[in-house]
PDB file of N, CA and C in Angstrom:
ATOM      1  N   MET A   1      83.976  46.697 175.504  1.00  0.00           N
ATOM      2  CA  MET A   1      83.458  47.014 176.819  1.00  0.00           C
ATOM      3  C   MET A   1      82.124  46.320 177.045  1.00  0.00           C
ATOM      4  N   LEU A   2      81.295  46.134 176.021  1.00  0.00           N
ATOM      5  CA  LEU A   2      80.026  45.514 176.215  1.00  0.00           C
ATOM      6  C   LEU A   2      80.171  44.000 176.530  1.00  0.00           C
ATOM      7  N   PHE A   3      81.202  43.420 176.078  1.00  0.00           N
ATOM      8  CA  PHE A   3      81.338  41.965 176.264  1.00  0.00           C
ATOM      9  C   PHE A   3      82.165  41.572 177.474  1.00  0.00           C
ATOM     10  N   VAL A   4      82.640  42.566 178.238  1.00  0.00           N
ATOM     11  CA  VAL A   4      83.459  42.244 179.387  1.00  0.00           C
ATOM     12  C   VAL A   4      82.745  41.451 180.454  1.00  0.00           C
ATOM     13  N   PRO A   5      81.460  41.801 180.826  1.00  0.00           N
ATOM     14  CA  PRO A   5      80.805  40.968 181.833  1.00  0.00           C
ATOM     15  C   PRO A   5      80.605  39.524 181.323  1.00  0.00           C
ATOM     16  N   LEU A   6      80.235  39.353 180.071  1.00  0.00           N
ATOM     17  CA  LEU A   6      80.060  38.047 179.546  1.00  0.00           C
ATOM     18  C   LEU A   6      81.368  37.229 179.559  1.00  0.00           C
ATOM     19  N   GLY A   7      82.393  37.938 179.131  1.00  0.00           N
ATOM     20  CA  GLY A   7      83.772  37.323 179.167  1.00  0.00           C
ATOM     21  C   GLY A   7      84.209  36.916 180.565  1.00  0.00           C
ATOM     22  N   MET A   8      83.823  37.720 181.517  1.00  0.00           N
ATOM     23  CA  MET A   8      84.207  37.429 182.924  1.00  0.00           C
ATOM     24  C   MET A   8      83.478  36.168 183.397  1.00  0.00           C
ATOM     25  N   GLN A   9      82.253  36.009 183.038  1.00  0.00           N
ATOM     26  CA  GLN A   9      81.496  34.873 183.423  1.00  0.00           C
ATOM     27  C   GLN A   9      82.059  33.594 182.766  1.00  0.00           C
ATOM     28  N   LEU A  10      82.550  33.767 181.534  1.00  0.00           N
ATOM     29  CA  LEU A  10      83.130  32.576 180.875  1.00  0.00           C
ATOM     30  C   LEU A  10      84.488  32.209 181.406  1.00  0.00           C
ATOM     31  N   ILE A  11      85.310  33.229 181.676  1.00  0.00           N
ATOM     32  CA  ILE A  11      86.715  33.010 182.065  1.00  0.00           C
ATOM     33  C   ILE A  11      86.822  32.712 183.579  1.00  0.00           C
ATOM     34  N   ALA A  12      86.043  33.430 184.358  1.00  0.00           N
ATOM     35  CA  ALA A  12      86.159  33.281 185.810  1.00  0.00           C
ATOM     36  C   ALA A  12      84.780  33.076 186.441  1.00  0.00           C
ATOM     37  N   PRO A  13      84.184  31.966 186.225  1.00  0.00           N
ATOM     38  CA  PRO A  13      82.790  31.739 186.786  1.00  0.00           C
ATOM     39  C   PRO A  13      82.760  31.538 188.270  1.00  0.00           C
ATOM     40  N   ARG A  14      83.877  31.010 188.853  1.00  0.00           N
ATOM     41  CA  ARG A  14      83.916  30.688 190.305  1.00  0.00           C
ATOM     42  C   ARG A  14      84.664  31.767 191.101  1.00  0.00           C
ATOM     43  N   ASN A  15      85.248  32.782 190.429  1.00  0.00           N
ATOM     44  CA  ASN A  15      86.026  33.832 191.073  1.00  0.00           C
ATOM     45  C   ASN A  15      87.205  33.375 191.853  1.00  0.00           C
ATOM     46  N   THR A  16      87.882  32.333 191.374  1.00  0.00           N
ATOM     47  CA  THR A  16      89.085  31.833 192.104  1.00  0.00           C
ATOM     48  C   THR A  16      90.283  32.616 191.647  1.00  0.00           C
ATOM     49  N   ALA A  17      91.360  32.526 192.378  1.00  0.00           N
ATOM     50  CA  ALA A  17      92.601  33.250 192.097  1.00  0.00           C
ATOM     51  C   ALA A  17      93.202  32.804 190.753  1.00  0.00           C
ATOM     52  N   GLU A  18      93.084  31.533 190.468  1.00  0.00           N
ATOM     53  CA  GLU A  18      93.609  30.965 189.204  1.00  0.00           C
ATOM     54  C   GLU A  18      92.814  31.557 188.018  1.00  0.00           C
ATOM     55  N   GLU A  19      91.548  31.641 188.196  1.00  0.00           N
ATOM     56  CA  GLU A  19      90.750  32.230 187.096  1.00  0.00           C
ATOM     57  C   GLU A  19      91.059  33.680 186.894  1.00  0.00           C
ATOM     58  N   TRP A  20      91.221  34.404 187.965  1.00  0.00           N
ATOM     59  CA  TRP A  20      91.558  35.866 187.836  1.00  0.00           C
ATOM     60  C   TRP A  20      92.954  36.076 187.284  1.00  0.00           C
ATOM     61  N   SER A  21      93.862  35.127 187.557  1.00  0.00           N
ATOM     62  CA  SER A  21      95.178  35.286 186.929  1.00  0.00           C
ATOM     63  C   SER A  21      95.071  35.071 185.413  1.00  0.00           C
ATOM     64  N   MET A  22      94.195  34.245 185.000  1.00  0.00           N
ATOM     65  CA  MET A  22      93.950  34.025 183.555  1.00  0.00           C
ATOM     66  C   MET A  22      93.335  35.323 182.937  1.00  0.00           C
ATOM     67  N   VAL A  23      92.430  35.992 183.650  1.00  0.00           N
ATOM     68  CA  VAL A  23      91.862  37.240 183.170  1.00  0.00           C
ATOM     69  C   VAL A  23      92.920  38.269 182.960  1.00  0.00           C
ATOM     70  N   PHE A  24      93.759  38.453 183.942  1.00  0.00           N
ATOM     71  CA  PHE A  24      94.800  39.430 183.878  1.00  0.00           C
ATOM     72  C   PHE A  24      95.859  39.091 182.789  1.00  0.00           C
ATOM     73  N   LEU A  25      96.125  37.799 182.615  1.00  0.00           N
ATOM     74  CA  LEU A  25      97.040  37.384 181.583  1.00  0.00           C
ATOM     75  C   LEU A  25      96.449  37.651 180.173  1.00  0.00           C
ATOM     76  N   PHE A  26      95.155  37.349 180.046  1.00  0.00           N
ATOM     77  CA  PHE A  26      94.515  37.609 178.815  1.00  0.00           C
ATOM     78  C   PHE A  26      94.448  39.128 178.479  1.00  0.00           C
ATOM     79  N   THR A  27      94.162  39.878 179.480  1.00  0.00           N
ATOM     80  CA  THR A  27      94.183  41.374 179.297  1.00  0.00           C
ATOM     81  C   THR A  27      95.559  41.857 178.902  1.00  0.00           C
ATOM     82  N   ALA A  28      96.595  41.364 179.530  1.00  0.00           N
ATOM     83  CA  ALA A  28      97.951  41.778 179.159  1.00  0.00           C
ATOM     84  C   ALA A  28      98.314  41.391 177.742  1.00  0.00           C
ATOM     85  N   ILE A  29      97.925  40.175 177.339  1.00  0.00           N
ATOM     86  CA  ILE A  29      98.209  39.765 175.958  1.00  0.00           C
ATOM     87  C   ILE A  29      97.495  40.607 174.907  1.00  0.00           C
ATOM     88  N   VAL A  30      96.269  40.936 175.206  1.00  0.00           N
ATOM     89  CA  VAL A  30      95.487  41.835 174.280  1.00  0.00           C
ATOM     90  C   VAL A  30      96.130  43.214 174.197  1.00  0.00           C
ATOM     91  N   LEU A  31      96.529  43.780 175.344  1.00  0.00           N
ATOM     92  CA  LEU A  31      97.179  45.082 175.338  1.00  0.00           C
ATOM     93  C   LEU A  31      98.516  45.057 174.586  1.00  0.00           C
ATOM     94  N   ILE A  32      99.289  44.014 174.818  1.00  0.00           N
ATOM     95  CA  ILE A  32     100.638  43.919 174.104  1.00  0.00           C
ATOM     96  C   ILE A  32     100.422  43.794 172.617  1.00  0.00           C
ATOM     97  N   ILE A  33      99.536  42.919 172.218  1.00  0.00           N
ATOM     98  CA  ILE A  33      99.302  42.746 170.745  1.00  0.00           C
ATOM     99  C   ILE A  33      98.791  44.072 170.132  1.00  0.00           C
ATOM    100  N   THR A  34      97.863  44.742 170.737  1.00  0.00           N
ATOM    101  CA  THR A  34      97.283  45.949 170.128  1.00  0.00           C
ATOM    102  C   THR A  34      98.392  47.056 170.152  1.00  0.00           C
ATOM    103  N   ASN A  35      99.206  47.116 171.107  1.00  0.00           N
ATOM    104  CA  ASN A  35     100.278  48.105 171.189  1.00  0.00           C
ATOM    105  C   ASN A  35     101.347  47.853 170.131  1.00  0.00           C
ATOM    106  N   VAL A  36     101.658  46.574 169.874  1.00  0.00           N
ATOM    107  CA  VAL A  36     102.624  46.290 168.857  1.00  0.00           C
ATOM    108  C   VAL A  36     102.031  46.688 167.453  1.00  0.00           C
ATOM    109  N   ILE A  37     100.781  46.330 167.253  1.00  0.00           N
ATOM    110  CA  ILE A  37     100.153  46.780 165.981  1.00  0.00           C
ATOM    111  C   ILE A  37     100.204  48.314 165.794  1.00  0.00           C
ATOM    112  N   PHE A  38      99.959  49.002 166.856  1.00  0.00           N
ATOM    113  CA  PHE A  38      99.958  50.504 166.803  1.00  0.00           C
ATOM    114  C   PHE A  38     101.366  50.939 166.534  1.00  0.00           C
ATOM    115  N   CYS A  39     102.379  50.385 167.217  1.00  0.00           N
ATOM    116  CA  CYS A  39     103.794  50.826 166.967  1.00  0.00           C
ATOM    117  C   CYS A  39     104.273  50.489 165.543  1.00  0.00           C
ATOM    118  N   VAL A  40     103.795  49.417 164.970  1.00  0.00           N
ATOM    119  CA  VAL A  40     104.214  49.074 163.603  1.00  0.00           C
ATOM    120  C   VAL A  40     103.546  49.959 162.576  1.00  0.00           C
ATOM    121  N   PHE A  41     102.226  50.171 162.721  1.00  0.00           N
ATOM    122  CA  PHE A  41     101.519  50.849 161.672  1.00  0.00           C
ATOM    123  C   PHE A  41     101.258  52.299 161.976  1.00  0.00           C
ATOM    124  N   GLY A  42     101.476  52.768 163.191  1.00  0.00           N
ATOM    125  CA  GLY A  42     101.219  54.201 163.517  1.00  0.00           C
ATOM    126  C   GLY A  42     102.307  55.106 162.907  1.00  0.00           C
ATOM    127  N   ARG A  43     101.913  56.333 162.651  1.00  0.00           N
ATOM    128  CA  ARG A  43     102.882  57.310 162.047  1.00  0.00           C
ATOM    129  C   ARG A  43     102.930  58.532 162.992  1.00  0.00           C
ATOM    130  N   GLY A  44     104.044  59.213 162.970  1.00  0.00           N
ATOM    131  CA  GLY A  44     104.212  60.414 163.763  1.00  0.00           C
ATOM    132  C   GLY A  44     103.922  61.693 162.939  1.00  0.00           C
ATOM    133  N   GLU A  45     103.429  61.563 161.741  1.00  0.00           N
ATOM    134  CA  GLU A  45     103.154  62.706 160.886  1.00  0.00           C
ATOM    135  C   GLU A  45     101.723  63.133 161.080  1.00  0.00           C
ATOM    136  N   ALA A  46     101.458  64.439 160.992  1.00  0.00           N
ATOM    137  CA  ALA A  46     100.109  64.920 161.068  1.00  0.00           C
ATOM    138  C   ALA A  46      99.341  64.588 159.780  1.00  0.00           C
ATOM    139  N   CYS A  47      98.132  64.317 159.863  1.00  0.00           N
ATOM    140  CA  CYS A  47      97.298  64.058 158.674  1.00  0.00           C
ATOM    141  C   CYS A  47      97.026  65.335 157.911  1.00  0.00           C
ATOM    142  N   LYS A  48      96.721  65.264 156.640  1.00  0.00           N
ATOM    143  CA  LYS A  48      96.616  66.388 155.801  1.00  0.00           C
ATOM    144  C   LYS A  48      95.497  67.324 156.247  1.00  0.00           C
ATOM    145  N   TRP A  49      94.425  66.765 156.859  1.00  0.00           N
ATOM    146  CA  TRP A  49      93.294  67.581 157.278  1.00  0.00           C
ATOM    147  C   TRP A  49      93.584  68.377 158.579  1.00  0.00           C
ATOM    148  N   THR A  50      94.751  68.183 159.194  1.00  0.00           N
ATOM    149  CA  THR A  50      95.097  68.936 160.376  1.00  0.00           C
ATOM    150  C   THR A  50      96.023  70.105 160.049  1.00  0.00           C
ATOM    151  N   THR A  51      96.378  70.289 158.821  1.00  0.00           N
ATOM    152  CA  THR A  51      97.258  71.382 158.485  1.00  0.00           C
ATOM    153  C   THR A  51      96.497  72.643 158.382  1.00  0.00           C
ATOM    154  N   GLU A  52      97.118  73.765 158.652  1.00  0.00           N
ATOM    155  CA  GLU A  52      96.477  75.112 158.648  1.00  0.00           C
ATOM    156  C   GLU A  52      96.014  75.422 157.204  1.00  0.00           C
ATOM    157  N   GLU A  53      96.792  75.029 156.220  1.00  0.00           N
ATOM    158  CA  GLU A  53      96.476  75.296 154.833  1.00  0.00           C
ATOM    159  C   GLU A  53      95.155  74.623 154.440  1.00  0.00           C
ATOM    160  N   PHE A  54      94.996  73.406 154.845  1.00  0.00           N
ATOM    161  CA  PHE A  54      93.779  72.592 154.541  1.00  0.00           C
ATOM    162  C   PHE A  54      92.570  73.189 155.228  1.00  0.00           C
ATOM    163  N   ILE A  55      92.743  73.576 156.447  1.00  0.00           N
ATOM    164  CA  ILE A  55      91.624  74.170 157.251  1.00  0.00           C
ATOM    165  C   ILE A  55      91.194  75.495 156.628  1.00  0.00           C
ATOM    166  N   ILE A  56      92.094  76.345 156.267  1.00  0.00           N
ATOM    167  CA  ILE A  56      91.713  77.638 155.636  1.00  0.00           C
ATOM    168  C   ILE A  56      91.059  77.370 154.282  1.00  0.00           C
ATOM    169  N   LYS A  57      91.603  76.410 153.501  1.00  0.00           N
ATOM    170  CA  LYS A  57      90.990  76.083 152.212  1.00  0.00           C
ATOM    171  C   LYS A  57      89.565  75.650 152.347  1.00  0.00           C
ATOM    172  N   LYS A  58      89.298  74.807 153.336  1.00  0.00           N
ATOM    173  CA  LYS A  58      87.932  74.321 153.518  1.00  0.00           C
ATOM    174  C   LYS A  58      87.020  75.398 154.122  1.00  0.00           C
ATOM    175  N   ALA A  59      87.561  76.192 155.018  1.00  0.00           N
ATOM    176  CA  ALA A  59      86.759  77.243 155.640  1.00  0.00           C
ATOM    177  C   ALA A  59      86.368  78.280 154.654  1.00  0.00           C
ATOM    178  N   THR A  60      87.180  78.590 153.662  1.00  0.00           N
ATOM    179  CA  THR A  60      86.834  79.614 152.701  1.00  0.00           C
ATOM    180  C   THR A  60      86.080  79.062 151.553  1.00  0.00           C
ATOM    181  N   SER A  61      86.075  77.761 151.283  1.00  0.00           N
ATOM    182  CA  SER A  61      85.326  77.237 150.171  1.00  0.00           C
ATOM    183  C   SER A  61      83.849  77.120 150.453  1.00  0.00           C
ATOM    184  N   THR A  62      83.479  76.899 151.687  1.00  0.00           N
ATOM    185  CA  THR A  62      82.046  76.721 152.024  1.00  0.00           C
ATOM    186  C   THR A  62      81.261  78.014 151.796  1.00  0.00           C
ATOM    187  N   PRO A  63      81.729  79.256 152.266  1.00  0.00           N
ATOM    188  CA  PRO A  63      80.903  80.370 151.987  1.00  0.00           C
ATOM    189  C   PRO A  63      80.799  80.711 150.479  1.00  0.00           C
ATOM    190  N   GLU A  64      81.793  80.420 149.725  1.00  0.00           N
ATOM    191  CA  GLU A  64      81.683  80.694 148.293  1.00  0.00           C
ATOM    192  C   GLU A  64      80.611  79.834 147.689  1.00  0.00           C
ATOM    193  N   LEU A  65      80.485  78.587 148.076  1.00  0.00           N
ATOM    194  CA  LEU A  65      79.389  77.723 147.533  1.00  0.00           C
ATOM    195  C   LEU A  65      78.036  78.242 147.986  1.00  0.00           C
ATOM    196  N   PHE A  66      78.003  78.759 149.214  1.00  0.00           N
ATOM    197  CA  PHE A  66      76.743  79.250 149.730  1.00  0.00           C
ATOM    198  C   PHE A  66      76.312  80.507 148.972  1.00  0.00           C
ATOM    199  N   VAL A  67      77.229  81.454 148.729  1.00  0.00           N
ATOM    200  CA  VAL A  67      76.987  82.683 148.033  1.00  0.00           C
ATOM    201  C   VAL A  67      76.566  82.322 146.582  1.00  0.00           C
ATOM    202  N   THR A  68      77.253  81.418 145.965  1.00  0.00           N
ATOM    203  CA  THR A  68      76.933  81.009 144.584  1.00  0.00           C
ATOM    204  C   THR A  68      75.463  80.546 144.490  1.00  0.00           C
ATOM    205  N   SER A  69      75.044  79.739 145.429  1.00  0.00           N
ATOM    206  CA  SER A  69      73.694  79.236 145.396  1.00  0.00           C
ATOM    207  C   SER A  69      72.694  80.364 145.655  1.00  0.00           C
ATOM    208  N   LEU A  70      73.045  81.326 146.488  1.00  0.00           N
ATOM    209  CA  LEU A  70      72.175  82.481 146.676  1.00  0.00           C
ATOM    210  C   LEU A  70      72.079  83.344 145.464  1.00  0.00           C
ATOM    211  N   GLN A  71      73.224  83.483 144.758  1.00  0.00           N
ATOM    212  CA  GLN A  71      73.170  84.312 143.527  1.00  0.00           C
ATOM    213  C   GLN A  71      72.341  83.620 142.444  1.00  0.00           C
ATOM    214  N   GLN A  72      72.395  82.284 142.397  1.00  0.00           N
ATOM    215  CA  GLN A  72      71.603  81.608 141.442  1.00  0.00           C
ATOM    216  C   GLN A  72      70.108  81.670 141.794  1.00  0.00           C
ATOM    217  N   ALA A  73      69.752  81.703 143.039  1.00  0.00           N
ATOM    218  CA  ALA A  73      68.349  81.789 143.489  1.00  0.00           C
ATOM    219  C   ALA A  73      67.810  83.141 143.217  1.00  0.00           C
ATOM    220  N   SER A  74      68.533  84.221 143.473  1.00  0.00           N
ATOM    221  CA  SER A  74      68.084  85.581 143.188  1.00  0.00           C
ATOM    222  C   SER A  74      69.127  86.358 142.508  1.00  0.00           C
ATOM    223  N   PRO A  75      69.172  86.385 141.148  1.00  0.00           N
ATOM    224  CA  PRO A  75      70.141  87.117 140.402  1.00  0.00           C
ATOM    225  C   PRO A  75      70.055  88.629 140.666  1.00  0.00           C
ATOM    226  N   GLY A  76      71.172  89.209 140.733  1.00  0.00           N
ATOM    227  CA  GLY A  76      71.224  90.730 140.981  1.00  0.00           C
ATOM    228  C   GLY A  76      71.441  91.095 142.404  1.00  0.00           C
ATOM    229  N   LYS A  77      71.208  90.138 143.321  1.00  0.00           N
ATOM    230  CA  LYS A  77      71.459  90.380 144.767  1.00  0.00           C
ATOM    231  C   LYS A  77      72.729  89.650 145.138  1.00  0.00           C
ATOM    232  N   VAL A  78      73.800  90.383 145.305  1.00  0.00           N
ATOM    233  CA  VAL A  78      75.085  89.793 145.614  1.00  0.00           C
ATOM    234  C   VAL A  78      75.464  90.235 147.010  1.00  0.00           C
ATOM    235  N   LEU A  79      75.957  89.296 147.808  1.00  0.00           N
ATOM    236  CA  LEU A  79      76.329  89.592 149.200  1.00  0.00           C
ATOM    237  C   LEU A  79      77.823  89.415 149.397  1.00  0.00           C
ATOM    238  N   PRO A  80      78.621  90.349 148.785  1.00  0.00           N
ATOM    239  CA  PRO A  80      80.068  90.138 148.931  1.00  0.00           C
ATOM    240  C   PRO A  80      80.631  90.542 150.319  1.00  0.00           C
ATOM    241  N   GLN A  81      80.005  91.405 151.025  1.00  0.00           N
ATOM    242  CA  GLN A  81      80.577  91.910 152.269  1.00  0.00           C
ATOM    243  C   GLN A  81      80.753  90.853 153.300  1.00  0.00           C
ATOM    244  N   PRO A  82      79.763  89.985 153.602  1.00  0.00           N
ATOM    245  CA  PRO A  82      79.960  88.930 154.567  1.00  0.00           C
ATOM    246  C   PRO A  82      81.085  87.970 154.205  1.00  0.00           C
ATOM    247  N   VAL A  83      81.187  87.639 152.911  1.00  0.00           N
ATOM    248  CA  VAL A  83      82.226  86.713 152.409  1.00  0.00           C
ATOM    249  C   VAL A  83      83.578  87.385 152.566  1.00  0.00           C
ATOM    250  N   GLN A  84      83.672  88.651 152.158  1.00  0.00           N
ATOM    251  CA  GLN A  84      84.900  89.368 152.239  1.00  0.00           C
ATOM    252  C   GLN A  84      85.355  89.496 153.697  1.00  0.00           C
ATOM    253  N   LYS A  85      84.424  89.765 154.597  1.00  0.00           N
ATOM    254  CA  LYS A  85      84.720  89.888 156.041  1.00  0.00           C
ATOM    255  C   LYS A  85      85.282  88.581 156.568  1.00  0.00           C
ATOM    256  N   LEU A  86      84.591  87.484 156.190  1.00  0.00           N
ATOM    257  CA  LEU A  86      85.075  86.147 156.625  1.00  0.00           C
ATOM    258  C   LEU A  86      86.494  85.864 156.071  1.00  0.00           C
ATOM    259  N   HIS A  87      86.668  86.188 154.814  1.00  0.00           N
ATOM    260  CA  HIS A  87      88.017  85.963 154.216  1.00  0.00           C
ATOM    261  C   HIS A  87      89.065  86.831 154.961  1.00  0.00           C
ATOM    262  N   ASN A  88      88.745  88.055 155.269  1.00  0.00           N
ATOM    263  CA  ASN A  88      89.686  88.910 155.986  1.00  0.00           C
ATOM    264  C   ASN A  88      89.984  88.366 157.368  1.00  0.00           C
ATOM    265  N   ASP A  89      88.941  87.910 158.037  1.00  0.00           N
ATOM    266  CA  ASP A  89      89.104  87.361 159.431  1.00  0.00           C
ATOM    267  C   ASP A  89      90.006  86.145 159.342  1.00  0.00           C
ATOM    268  N   LEU A  90      89.827  85.281 158.369  1.00  0.00           N
ATOM    269  CA  LEU A  90      90.634  84.090 158.246  1.00  0.00           C
ATOM    270  C   LEU A  90      92.083  84.427 157.913  1.00  0.00           C
ATOM    271  N   ALA A  91      92.249  85.504 157.076  1.00  0.00           N
ATOM    272  CA  ALA A  91      93.594  85.868 156.754  1.00  0.00           C
ATOM    273  C   ALA A  91      94.350  86.456 157.957  1.00  0.00           C
ATOM    274  N   GLN A  92      93.667  87.106 158.849  1.00  0.00           N
ATOM    275  CA  GLN A  92      94.281  87.636 160.020  1.00  0.00           C
ATOM    276  C   GLN A  92      94.664  86.551 161.015  1.00  0.00           C
ATOM    277  N   CYS A  93      93.959  85.414 160.994  1.00  0.00           N
ATOM    278  CA  CYS A  93      94.257  84.308 161.922  1.00  0.00           C
ATOM    279  C   CYS A  93      95.565  83.613 161.490  1.00  0.00           C
ATOM    280  N   SER A  94      95.880  83.619 160.210  1.00  0.00           N
ATOM    281  CA  SER A  94      97.067  82.870 159.787  1.00  0.00           C
ATOM    282  C   SER A  94      98.336  83.681 159.873  1.00  0.00           C
TER     283      SER A  94
END
């Protein structure tokens, strides 16, 4: 998008109909090539990070790391209730 004005000056400096037909032809060729690449290499399967199992695993792993670091910083003070509440809330969502 940043190079479109520069490209327009190079391809159609006089704004004639022939130059604009070249612009539209060039645009069509770029769109066709990129769509063919997408159709060949694109997949219809969801990526692993979009699955519910992956999201729940990542959501529950972060609080455990946080609580572990708090326990290391101040031994004897454990905060299980917020972690347990978060775990229960996530379990209800699934």
